Amino acid sequence: HDAVPICTLIVRLDNTYEVKIDNSKVESGNLEEDWDFLPAKKIKDPEAKKPDDWDEREKVDDPDDKKPEDWDKPENIPDPDAVKPEDWDEEMGGEIGRA
C-alpha cells in the first residue's frame, strides 16, 4: 500500500498561510492577496445624486387612494356561537358579541 500523505494547513493571525505535504512546504502566502473570499470593496459614485424633486418623507399619502364601496370594518366581529361562561363578570368583561 502507498502511504497516505499528511497535509497541513497553517493559518497565522497576520493572515498568512502555509501548506505542507509530508512536512515539506509546498505553498505559502497571504490569504487576502491569494484568495478571493472577501467581497469586492464598494466605493461611492461621486456623480450619483438624488433627483431635485426627491421626496424625503418616509410615508407619502396617495391622494387617489380610496376604500372599496363595500368596505366594512366593525369594531367587533360578531360570533354567533359565542357562549357566556358561567362565572362571567359583566363589569370586568362586558358583553359578548352576538350577530
PDB file of N, CA and C in Angstrom:
ATOM      1  N   HIS A   1       0.827  -1.190   0.000  1.00  0.00           N
ATOM      2  CA  HIS A   1       0.000   0.000   0.000  1.00  0.00           C
ATOM      3  C   HIS A   1       0.865   1.246   0.000  1.00  0.00           C
ATOM      4  N   ASP A   2       0.336   2.257  -0.715  1.00  0.00           N
ATOM      5  CA  ASP A   2       1.029   3.541  -0.702  1.00  0.00           C
ATOM      6  C   ASP A   2       0.658   4.291   0.566  1.00  0.00           C
ATOM      7  N   ALA A   3       1.603   5.027   1.092  1.00  0.00           N
ATOM      8  CA  ALA A   3       1.355   5.812   2.307  1.00  0.00           C
ATOM      9  C   ALA A   3       0.459   7.003   1.957  1.00  0.00           C
ATOM     10  N   VAL A   4      -0.454   7.322   2.836  1.00  0.00           N
ATOM     11  CA  VAL A   4      -1.328   8.480   2.664  1.00  0.00           C
ATOM     12  C   VAL A   4      -0.552   9.720   3.064  1.00  0.00           C
ATOM     13  N   PRO A   5      -0.482  10.740   2.190  1.00  0.00           N
ATOM     14  CA  PRO A   5       0.287  11.937   2.546  1.00  0.00           C
ATOM     15  C   PRO A   5      -0.377  12.709   3.678  1.00  0.00           C
ATOM     16  N   ILE A   6       0.426  13.325   4.495  1.00  0.00           N
ATOM     17  CA  ILE A   6      -0.071  14.158   5.592  1.00  0.00           C
ATOM     18  C   ILE A   6      -0.101  15.593   5.078  1.00  0.00           C
ATOM     19  N   CYS A   7      -1.287  16.169   5.036  1.00  0.00           N
ATOM     20  CA  CYS A   7      -1.473  17.544   4.545  1.00  0.00           C
ATOM     21  C   CYS A   7      -1.725  18.450   5.741  1.00  0.00           C
ATOM     22  N   THR A   8      -0.999  19.578   5.786  1.00  0.00           N
ATOM     23  CA  THR A   8      -1.109  20.506   6.907  1.00  0.00           C
ATOM     24  C   THR A   8      -1.344  21.909   6.374  1.00  0.00           C
ATOM     25  N   LEU A   9      -2.317  22.596   6.958  1.00  0.00           N
ATOM     26  CA  LEU A   9      -2.563  23.998   6.631  1.00  0.00           C
ATOM     27  C   LEU A   9      -2.327  24.807   7.897  1.00  0.00           C
ATOM     28  N   ILE A  10      -1.447  25.778   7.812  1.00  0.00           N
ATOM     29  CA  ILE A  10      -1.159  26.656   8.943  1.00  0.00           C
ATOM     30  C   ILE A  10      -1.654  28.048   8.573  1.00  0.00           C
ATOM     31  N   VAL A  11      -2.550  28.595   9.399  1.00  0.00           N
ATOM     32  CA  VAL A  11      -3.057  29.955   9.193  1.00  0.00           C
ATOM     33  C   VAL A  11      -2.628  30.782  10.389  1.00  0.00           C
ATOM     34  N   ARG A  12      -1.946  31.878  10.113  1.00  0.00           N
ATOM     35  CA  ARG A  12      -1.425  32.722  11.192  1.00  0.00           C
ATOM     36  C   ARG A  12      -2.319  33.941  11.404  1.00  0.00           C
ATOM     37  N   LEU A  13      -2.193  34.568  12.565  1.00  0.00           N
ATOM     38  CA  LEU A  13      -3.019  35.728  12.918  1.00  0.00           C
ATOM     39  C   LEU A  13      -2.821  36.909  11.972  1.00  0.00           C
ATOM     40  N   ASP A  14      -1.675  36.980  11.310  1.00  0.00           N
ATOM     41  CA  ASP A  14      -1.435  38.094  10.386  1.00  0.00           C
ATOM     42  C   ASP A  14      -1.965  37.805   8.979  1.00  0.00           C
ATOM     43  N   ASN A  15      -2.839  36.781   8.855  1.00  0.00           N
ATOM     44  CA  ASN A  15      -3.489  36.381   7.602  1.00  0.00           C
ATOM     45  C   ASN A  15      -2.528  35.755   6.596  1.00  0.00           C
ATOM     46  N   THR A  16      -1.397  35.257   7.048  1.00  0.00           N
ATOM     47  CA  THR A  16      -0.533  34.487   6.164  1.00  0.00           C
ATOM     48  C   THR A  16      -0.837  33.012   6.382  1.00  0.00           C
ATOM     49  N   TYR A  17      -0.487  32.209   5.378  1.00  0.00           N
ATOM     50  CA  TYR A  17      -0.755  30.778   5.472  1.00  0.00           C
ATOM     51  C   TYR A  17       0.438  30.001   4.912  1.00  0.00           C
ATOM     52  N   GLU A  18       0.449  28.731   5.253  1.00  0.00           N
ATOM     53  CA  GLU A  18       1.477  27.829   4.754  1.00  0.00           C
ATOM     54  C   GLU A  18       0.844  26.463   4.569  1.00  0.00           C
ATOM     55  N   VAL A  19       1.113  25.812   3.436  1.00  0.00           N
ATOM     56  CA  VAL A  19       0.616  24.465   3.168  1.00  0.00           C
ATOM     57  C   VAL A  19       1.817  23.529   3.121  1.00  0.00           C
ATOM     58  N   LYS A  20       1.696  22.442   3.869  1.00  0.00           N
ATOM     59  CA  LYS A  20       2.775  21.451   3.894  1.00  0.00           C
ATOM     60  C   LYS A  20       2.199  20.096   3.506  1.00  0.00           C
ATOM     61  N   ILE A  21       2.988  19.333   2.767  1.00  0.00           N
ATOM     62  CA  ILE A  21       2.647  17.944   2.481  1.00  0.00           C
ATOM     63  C   ILE A  21       3.821  17.120   2.970  1.00  0.00           C
ATOM     64  N   ASP A  22       3.512  16.177   3.830  1.00  0.00           N
ATOM     65  CA  ASP A  22       4.541  15.366   4.492  1.00  0.00           C
ATOM     66  C   ASP A  22       5.619  16.244   5.104  1.00  0.00           C
ATOM     67  N   ASN A  23       5.176  17.326   5.739  1.00  0.00           N
ATOM     68  CA  ASN A  23       6.021  18.260   6.479  1.00  0.00           C
ATOM     69  C   ASN A  23       6.985  19.062   5.587  1.00  0.00           C
ATOM     70  N   SER A  24       6.737  19.065   4.271  1.00  0.00           N
ATOM     71  CA  SER A  24       7.534  19.897   3.370  1.00  0.00           C
ATOM     72  C   SER A  24       6.643  21.015   2.843  1.00  0.00           C
ATOM     73  N   LYS A  25       7.109  22.255   2.936  1.00  0.00           N
ATOM     74  CA  LYS A  25       6.311  23.400   2.486  1.00  0.00           C
ATOM     75  C   LYS A  25       6.151  23.349   0.970  1.00  0.00           C
ATOM     76  N   VAL A  26       4.861  23.400   0.508  1.00  0.00           N
ATOM     77  CA  VAL A  26       4.586  23.393  -0.924  1.00  0.00           C
ATOM     78  C   VAL A  26       3.930  24.690  -1.385  1.00  0.00           C
ATOM     79  N   GLU A  27       3.400  25.464  -0.445  1.00  0.00           N
ATOM     80  CA  GLU A  27       2.717  26.714  -0.792  1.00  0.00           C
ATOM     81  C   GLU A  27       2.701  27.604   0.432  1.00  0.00           C
ATOM     82  N   SER A  28       2.720  28.934   0.201  1.00  0.00           N
ATOM     83  CA  SER A  28       2.571  29.882   1.296  1.00  0.00           C
ATOM     84  C   SER A  28       2.198  31.224   0.698  1.00  0.00           C
ATOM     85  N   GLY A  29       1.679  32.100   1.529  1.00  0.00           N
ATOM     86  CA  GLY A  29       1.319  33.416   1.034  1.00  0.00           C
ATOM     87  C   GLY A  29       0.422  34.158   2.001  1.00  0.00           C
ATOM     88  N   ASN A  30      -0.312  35.133   1.438  1.00  0.00           N
ATOM     89  CA  ASN A  30      -1.215  35.970   2.214  1.00  0.00           C
ATOM     90  C   ASN A  30      -2.642  35.646   1.790  1.00  0.00           C
ATOM     91  N   LEU A  31      -3.501  35.347   2.761  1.00  0.00           N
ATOM     92  CA  LEU A  31      -4.879  34.941   2.445  1.00  0.00           C
ATOM     93  C   LEU A  31      -5.618  35.992   1.624  1.00  0.00           C
ATOM     94  N   GLU A  32      -5.531  37.251   2.023  1.00  0.00           N
ATOM     95  CA  GLU A  32      -6.291  38.301   1.351  1.00  0.00           C
ATOM     96  C   GLU A  32      -5.784  38.559  -0.062  1.00  0.00           C
ATOM     97  N   GLU A  33      -4.503  38.361  -0.298  1.00  0.00           N
ATOM     98  CA  GLU A  33      -3.940  38.601  -1.630  1.00  0.00           C
ATOM     99  C   GLU A  33      -4.102  37.396  -2.553  1.00  0.00           C
ATOM    100  N   ASP A  34      -4.064  36.194  -1.993  1.00  0.00           N
ATOM    101  CA  ASP A  34      -4.056  34.986  -2.811  1.00  0.00           C
ATOM    102  C   ASP A  34      -5.427  34.339  -3.023  1.00  0.00           C
ATOM    103  N   TRP A  35      -6.423  34.697  -2.215  1.00  0.00           N
ATOM    104  CA  TRP A  35      -7.730  34.042  -2.287  1.00  0.00           C
ATOM    105  C   TRP A  35      -8.821  35.092  -2.410  1.00  0.00           C
ATOM    106  N   ASP A  36      -9.867  34.785  -3.206  1.00  0.00           N
ATOM    107  CA  ASP A  36     -10.993  35.708  -3.422  1.00  0.00           C
ATOM    108  C   ASP A  36     -12.174  35.350  -2.524  1.00  0.00           C
ATOM    109  N   PHE A  37     -12.008  35.408  -1.204  1.00  0.00           N
ATOM    110  CA  PHE A  37     -13.154  35.124  -0.351  1.00  0.00           C
ATOM    111  C   PHE A  37     -13.683  36.357   0.350  1.00  0.00           C
ATOM    112  N   LEU A  38     -13.160  37.514   0.079  1.00  0.00           N
ATOM    113  CA  LEU A  38     -13.703  38.756   0.621  1.00  0.00           C
ATOM    114  C   LEU A  38     -14.464  39.474  -0.491  1.00  0.00           C
ATOM    115  N   PRO A  39     -15.610  40.056  -0.181  1.00  0.00           N
ATOM    116  CA  PRO A  39     -16.368  40.751  -1.226  1.00  0.00           C
ATOM    117  C   PRO A  39     -15.583  41.968  -1.730  1.00  0.00           C
ATOM    118  N   ALA A  40     -15.838  42.303  -2.972  1.00  0.00           N
ATOM    119  CA  ALA A  40     -15.174  43.475  -3.534  1.00  0.00           C
ATOM    120  C   ALA A  40     -15.597  44.711  -2.752  1.00  0.00           C
ATOM    121  N   LYS A  41     -14.658  45.593  -2.522  1.00  0.00           N
ATOM    122  CA  LYS A  41     -14.970  46.811  -1.792  1.00  0.00           C
ATOM    123  C   LYS A  41     -15.802  47.727  -2.683  1.00  0.00           C
ATOM    124  N   LYS A  42     -16.761  48.398  -2.066  1.00  0.00           N
ATOM    125  CA  LYS A  42     -17.627  49.309  -2.804  1.00  0.00           C
ATOM    126  C   LYS A  42     -17.189  50.739  -2.523  1.00  0.00           C
ATOM    127  N   ILE A  43     -17.242  51.529  -3.560  1.00  0.00           N
ATOM    128  CA  ILE A  43     -16.929  52.943  -3.377  1.00  0.00           C
ATOM    129  C   ILE A  43     -18.119  53.762  -3.845  1.00  0.00           C
ATOM    130  N   LYS A  44     -18.310  54.914  -3.244  1.00  0.00           N
ATOM    131  CA  LYS A  44     -19.420  55.779  -3.624  1.00  0.00           C
ATOM    132  C   LYS A  44     -19.120  56.434  -4.963  1.00  0.00           C
ATOM    133  N   ASP A  45     -20.137  56.500  -5.778  1.00  0.00           N
ATOM    134  CA  ASP A  45     -20.017  57.167  -7.069  1.00  0.00           C
ATOM    135  C   ASP A  45     -20.152  58.665  -6.833  1.00  0.00           C
ATOM    136  N   PRO A  46     -19.109  59.428  -7.092  1.00  0.00           N
ATOM    137  CA  PRO A  46     -19.177  60.873  -6.834  1.00  0.00           C
ATOM    138  C   PRO A  46     -20.197  61.575  -7.736  1.00  0.00           C
ATOM    139  N   GLU A  47     -20.579  60.927  -8.836  1.00  0.00           N
ATOM    140  CA  GLU A  47     -21.543  61.519  -9.768  1.00  0.00           C
ATOM    141  C   GLU A  47     -22.993  61.199  -9.383  1.00  0.00           C
ATOM    142  N   ALA A  48     -23.187  60.205  -8.482  1.00  0.00           N
ATOM    143  CA  ALA A  48     -24.545  59.789  -8.113  1.00  0.00           C
ATOM    144  C   ALA A  48     -25.183  60.830  -7.203  1.00  0.00           C
ATOM    145  N   LYS A  49     -26.435  61.175  -7.500  1.00  0.00           N
ATOM    146  CA  LYS A  49     -27.168  62.102  -6.641  1.00  0.00           C
ATOM    147  C   LYS A  49     -28.665  61.874  -6.821  1.00  0.00           C
ATOM    148  N   LYS A  50     -29.418  62.279  -5.825  1.00  0.00           N
ATOM    149  CA  LYS A  50     -30.875  62.145  -5.887  1.00  0.00           C
ATOM    150  C   LYS A  50     -31.425  63.199  -6.841  1.00  0.00           C
ATOM    151  N   PRO A  51     -32.554  62.900  -7.476  1.00  0.00           N
ATOM    152  CA  PRO A  51     -33.186  63.914  -8.325  1.00  0.00           C
ATOM    153  C   PRO A  51     -33.594  65.131  -7.492  1.00  0.00           C
ATOM    154  N   ASP A  52     -33.691  66.278  -8.129  1.00  0.00           N
ATOM    155  CA  ASP A  52     -34.052  67.518  -7.434  1.00  0.00           C
ATOM    156  C   ASP A  52     -35.413  67.425  -6.755  1.00  0.00           C
ATOM    157  N   ASP A  53     -36.335  66.641  -7.326  1.00  0.00           N
ATOM    158  CA  ASP A  53     -37.685  66.545  -6.760  1.00  0.00           C
ATOM    159  C   ASP A  53     -37.844  65.323  -5.834  1.00  0.00           C
ATOM    160  N   TRP A  54     -36.756  64.781  -5.317  1.00  0.00           N
ATOM    161  CA  TRP A  54     -36.793  63.615  -4.425  1.00  0.00           C
ATOM    162  C   TRP A  54     -37.568  63.949  -3.152  1.00  0.00           C
ATOM    163  N   ASP A  55     -38.490  63.062  -2.769  1.00  0.00           N
ATOM    164  CA  ASP A  55     -39.304  63.263  -1.573  1.00  0.00           C
ATOM    165  C   ASP A  55     -38.689  62.473  -0.418  1.00  0.00           C
ATOM    166  N   GLU A  56     -38.250  63.162   0.625  1.00  0.00           N
ATOM    167  CA  GLU A  56     -37.558  62.527   1.749  1.00  0.00           C
ATOM    168  C   GLU A  56     -38.502  61.921   2.796  1.00  0.00           C
ATOM    169  N   ARG A  57     -39.816  62.155   2.664  1.00  0.00           N
ATOM    170  CA  ARG A  57     -40.743  61.629   3.670  1.00  0.00           C
ATOM    171  C   ARG A  57     -40.729  60.102   3.663  1.00  0.00           C
ATOM    172  N   GLU A  58     -40.853  59.510   4.870  1.00  0.00           N
ATOM    173  CA  GLU A  58     -40.853  58.055   4.984  1.00  0.00           C
ATOM    174  C   GLU A  58     -42.114  57.459   4.367  1.00  0.00           C
ATOM    175  N   LYS A  59     -43.249  58.112   4.589  1.00  0.00           N
ATOM    176  CA  LYS A  59     -44.524  57.655   4.028  1.00  0.00           C
ATOM    177  C   LYS A  59     -45.187  58.830   3.328  1.00  0.00           C
ATOM    178  N   VAL A  60     -45.779  58.529   2.191  1.00  0.00           N
ATOM    179  CA  VAL A  60     -46.440  59.567   1.412  1.00  0.00           C
ATOM    180  C   VAL A  60     -47.877  59.123   1.154  1.00  0.00           C
ATOM    181  N   ASP A  61     -48.855  59.961   1.540  1.00  0.00           N
ATOM    182  CA  ASP A  61     -50.257  59.632   1.302  1.00  0.00           C
ATOM    183  C   ASP A  61     -50.556  59.636  -0.188  1.00  0.00           C
ATOM    184  N   ASP A  62     -51.390  58.686  -0.605  1.00  0.00           N
ATOM    185  CA  ASP A  62     -51.818  58.614  -2.001  1.00  0.00           C
ATOM    186  C   ASP A  62     -53.133  59.374  -2.121  1.00  0.00           C
ATOM    187  N   PRO A  63     -53.150  60.517  -2.804  1.00  0.00           N
ATOM    188  CA  PRO A  63     -54.381  61.311  -2.901  1.00  0.00           C
ATOM    189  C   PRO A  63     -55.490  60.580  -3.659  1.00  0.00           C
ATOM    190  N   ASP A  64     -55.148  59.605  -4.485  1.00  0.00           N
ATOM    191  CA  ASP A  64     -56.156  58.877  -5.257  1.00  0.00           C
ATOM    192  C   ASP A  64     -56.611  57.594  -4.564  1.00  0.00           C
ATOM    193  N   ASP A  65     -56.057  57.315  -3.375  1.00  0.00           N
ATOM    194  CA  ASP A  65     -56.410  56.094  -2.662  1.00  0.00           C
ATOM    195  C   ASP A  65     -57.788  56.231  -2.026  1.00  0.00           C
ATOM    196  N   LYS A  66     -58.627  55.215  -2.175  1.00  0.00           N
ATOM    197  CA  LYS A  66     -59.939  55.220  -1.520  1.00  0.00           C
ATOM    198  C   LYS A  66     -60.340  53.792  -1.205  1.00  0.00           C
ATOM    199  N   LYS A  67     -61.146  53.645  -0.162  1.00  0.00           N
ATOM    200  CA  LYS A  67     -61.600  52.328   0.248  1.00  0.00           C
ATOM    201  C   LYS A  67     -62.675  51.841  -0.728  1.00  0.00           C
ATOM    202  N   PRO A  68     -62.788  50.522  -0.913  1.00  0.00           N
ATOM    203  CA  PRO A  68     -63.844  49.982  -1.767  1.00  0.00           C
ATOM    204  C   PRO A  68     -65.219  50.344  -1.209  1.00  0.00           C
ATOM    205  N   GLU A  69     -66.200  50.400  -2.088  1.00  0.00           N
ATOM    206  CA  GLU A  69     -67.558  50.778  -1.667  1.00  0.00           C
ATOM    207  C   GLU A  69     -68.120  49.814  -0.627  1.00  0.00           C
ATOM    208  N   ASP A  70     -67.746  48.543  -0.703  1.00  0.00           N
ATOM    209  CA  ASP A  70     -68.279  47.557   0.250  1.00  0.00           C
ATOM    210  C   ASP A  70     -67.393  47.422   1.496  1.00  0.00           C
ATOM    211  N   TRP A  71     -66.540  48.388   1.747  1.00  0.00           N
ATOM    212  CA  TRP A  71     -65.652  48.361   2.916  1.00  0.00           C
ATOM    213  C   TRP A  71     -66.470  48.413   4.197  1.00  0.00           C
ATOM    214  N   ASP A  72     -66.203  47.452   5.101  1.00  0.00           N
ATOM    215  CA  ASP A  72     -66.899  47.416   6.381  1.00  0.00           C
ATOM    216  C   ASP A  72     -65.893  46.967   7.427  1.00  0.00           C
ATOM    217  N   LYS A  73     -65.624  47.823   8.393  1.00  0.00           N
ATOM    218  CA  LYS A  73     -64.672  47.477   9.430  1.00  0.00           C
ATOM    219  C   LYS A  73     -65.337  47.685  10.787  1.00  0.00           C
ATOM    220  N   PRO A  74     -66.117  46.683  11.229  1.00  0.00           N
ATOM    221  CA  PRO A  74     -66.773  46.827  12.530  1.00  0.00           C
ATOM    222  C   PRO A  74     -65.754  46.790  13.666  1.00  0.00           C
ATOM    223  N   GLU A  75     -66.105  47.425  14.781  1.00  0.00           N
ATOM    224  CA  GLU A  75     -65.213  47.441  15.931  1.00  0.00           C
ATOM    225  C   GLU A  75     -65.012  46.036  16.480  1.00  0.00           C
ATOM    226  N   ASN A  76     -66.085  45.265  16.500  1.00  0.00           N
ATOM    227  CA  ASN A  76     -66.022  43.872  16.940  1.00  0.00           C
ATOM    228  C   ASN A  76     -66.650  43.002  15.871  1.00  0.00           C
ATOM    229  N   ILE A  77     -66.080  41.835  15.683  1.00  0.00           N
ATOM    230  CA  ILE A  77     -66.663  40.890  14.734  1.00  0.00           C
ATOM    231  C   ILE A  77     -67.556  39.950  15.520  1.00  0.00           C
ATOM    232  N   PRO A  78     -68.847  39.926  15.197  1.00  0.00           N
ATOM    233  CA  PRO A  78     -69.775  39.085  15.968  1.00  0.00           C
ATOM    234  C   PRO A  78     -69.498  37.592  15.786  1.00  0.00           C
ATOM    235  N   ASP A  79     -69.692  36.838  16.874  1.00  0.00           N
ATOM    236  CA  ASP A  79     -69.537  35.397  16.846  1.00  0.00           C
ATOM    237  C   ASP A  79     -70.868  34.783  17.247  1.00  0.00           C
ATOM    238  N   PRO A  80     -71.615  34.251  16.290  1.00  0.00           N
ATOM    239  CA  PRO A  80     -72.944  33.709  16.599  1.00  0.00           C
ATOM    240  C   PRO A  80     -72.895  32.507  17.542  1.00  0.00           C
ATOM    241  N   ASP A  81     -71.741  31.854  17.652  1.00  0.00           N
ATOM    242  CA  ASP A  81     -71.623  30.678  18.519  1.00  0.00           C
ATOM    243  C   ASP A  81     -71.061  31.011  19.900  1.00  0.00           C
ATOM    244  N   ALA A  82     -70.856  32.306  20.193  1.00  0.00           N
ATOM    245  CA  ALA A  82     -70.267  32.694  21.478  1.00  0.00           C
ATOM    246  C   ALA A  82     -71.215  32.344  22.623  1.00  0.00           C
ATOM    247  N   VAL A  83     -70.643  31.798  23.684  1.00  0.00           N
ATOM    248  CA  VAL A  83     -71.412  31.438  24.871  1.00  0.00           C
ATOM    249  C   VAL A  83     -70.722  32.083  26.068  1.00  0.00           C
ATOM    250  N   LYS A  84     -71.530  32.742  26.903  1.00  0.00           N
ATOM    251  CA  LYS A  84     -71.000  33.405  28.083  1.00  0.00           C
ATOM    252  C   LYS A  84     -70.671  32.345  29.143  1.00  0.00           C
ATOM    253  N   PRO A  85     -69.441  32.332  29.674  1.00  0.00           N
ATOM    254  CA  PRO A  85     -69.098  31.365  30.730  1.00  0.00           C
ATOM    255  C   PRO A  85     -69.951  31.611  31.974  1.00  0.00           C
ATOM    256  N   GLU A  86     -70.141  30.577  32.776  1.00  0.00           N
ATOM    257  CA  GLU A  86     -70.978  30.688  33.969  1.00  0.00           C
ATOM    258  C   GLU A  86     -70.446  31.720  34.953  1.00  0.00           C
ATOM    259  N   ASP A  87     -69.123  31.863  35.036  1.00  0.00           N
ATOM    260  CA  ASP A  87     -68.542  32.799  36.006  1.00  0.00           C
ATOM    261  C   ASP A  87     -68.214  34.159  35.362  1.00  0.00           C
ATOM    262  N   TRP A  88     -68.874  34.505  34.248  1.00  0.00           N
ATOM    263  CA  TRP A  88     -68.616  35.763  33.533  1.00  0.00           C
ATOM    264  C   TRP A  88     -68.970  36.959  34.398  1.00  0.00           C
ATOM    265  N   ASP A  89     -68.071  37.927  34.461  1.00  0.00           N
ATOM    266  CA  ASP A  89     -68.277  39.144  35.244  1.00  0.00           C
ATOM    267  C   ASP A  89     -68.584  40.269  34.264  1.00  0.00           C
ATOM    268  N   GLU A  90     -69.864  40.741  34.233  1.00  0.00           N
ATOM    269  CA  GLU A  90     -70.289  41.785  33.297  1.00  0.00           C
ATOM    270  C   GLU A  90     -69.478  43.071  33.467  1.00  0.00           C
ATOM    271  N   GLU A  91     -69.150  43.431  34.713  1.00  0.00           N
ATOM    272  CA  GLU A  91     -68.423  44.658  34.957  1.00  0.00           C
ATOM    273  C   GLU A  91     -67.001  44.579  34.427  1.00  0.00           C
ATOM    274  N   MET A  92     -66.381  43.397  34.539  1.00  0.00           N
ATOM    275  CA  MET A  92     -64.987  43.228  34.083  1.00  0.00           C
ATOM    276  C   MET A  92     -64.916  42.948  32.585  1.00  0.00           C
ATOM    277  N   GLY A  93     -65.774  42.074  32.081  1.00  0.00           N
ATOM    278  CA  GLY A  93     -65.633  41.605  30.701  1.00  0.00           C
ATOM    279  C   GLY A  93     -66.565  42.227  29.697  1.00  0.00           C
ATOM    280  N   GLY A  94     -67.603  42.858  30.132  1.00  0.00           N
ATOM    281  CA  GLY A  94     -68.552  43.459  29.197  1.00  0.00           C
ATOM    282  C   GLY A  94     -69.411  42.418  28.530  1.00  0.00           C
ATOM    283  N   GLU A  95     -70.050  42.845  27.458  1.00  0.00           N
ATOM    284  CA  GLU A  95     -70.963  41.966  26.733  1.00  0.00           C
ATOM    285  C   GLU A  95     -70.194  41.067  25.758  1.00  0.00           C
ATOM    286  N   ILE A  96     -70.761  39.907  25.493  1.00  0.00           N
ATOM    287  CA  ILE A  96     -70.214  39.024  24.462  1.00  0.00           C
ATOM    288  C   ILE A  96     -70.946  39.360  23.174  1.00  0.00           C
ATOM    289  N   GLY A  97     -70.185  39.603  22.103  1.00  0.00           N
ATOM    290  CA  GLY A  97     -70.808  39.987  20.832  1.00  0.00           C
ATOM    291  C   GLY A  97     -71.496  38.836  20.168  1.00  0.00           C
ATOM    292  N   ARG A  98     -72.745  39.061  19.774  1.00  0.00           N
ATOM    293  CA  ARG A  98     -73.505  38.061  19.015  1.00  0.00           C
ATOM    294  C   ARG A  98     -74.068  38.743  17.785  1.00  0.00           C
ATOM    295  N   ALA A  99     -74.234  37.963  16.743  1.00  0.00           N
ATOM    296  CA  ALA A  99     -74.745  38.506  15.479  1.00  0.00           C
ATOM    297  C   ALA A  99     -76.231  38.792  15.591  1.00  0.00           C
TER     298      ALA A  99
END
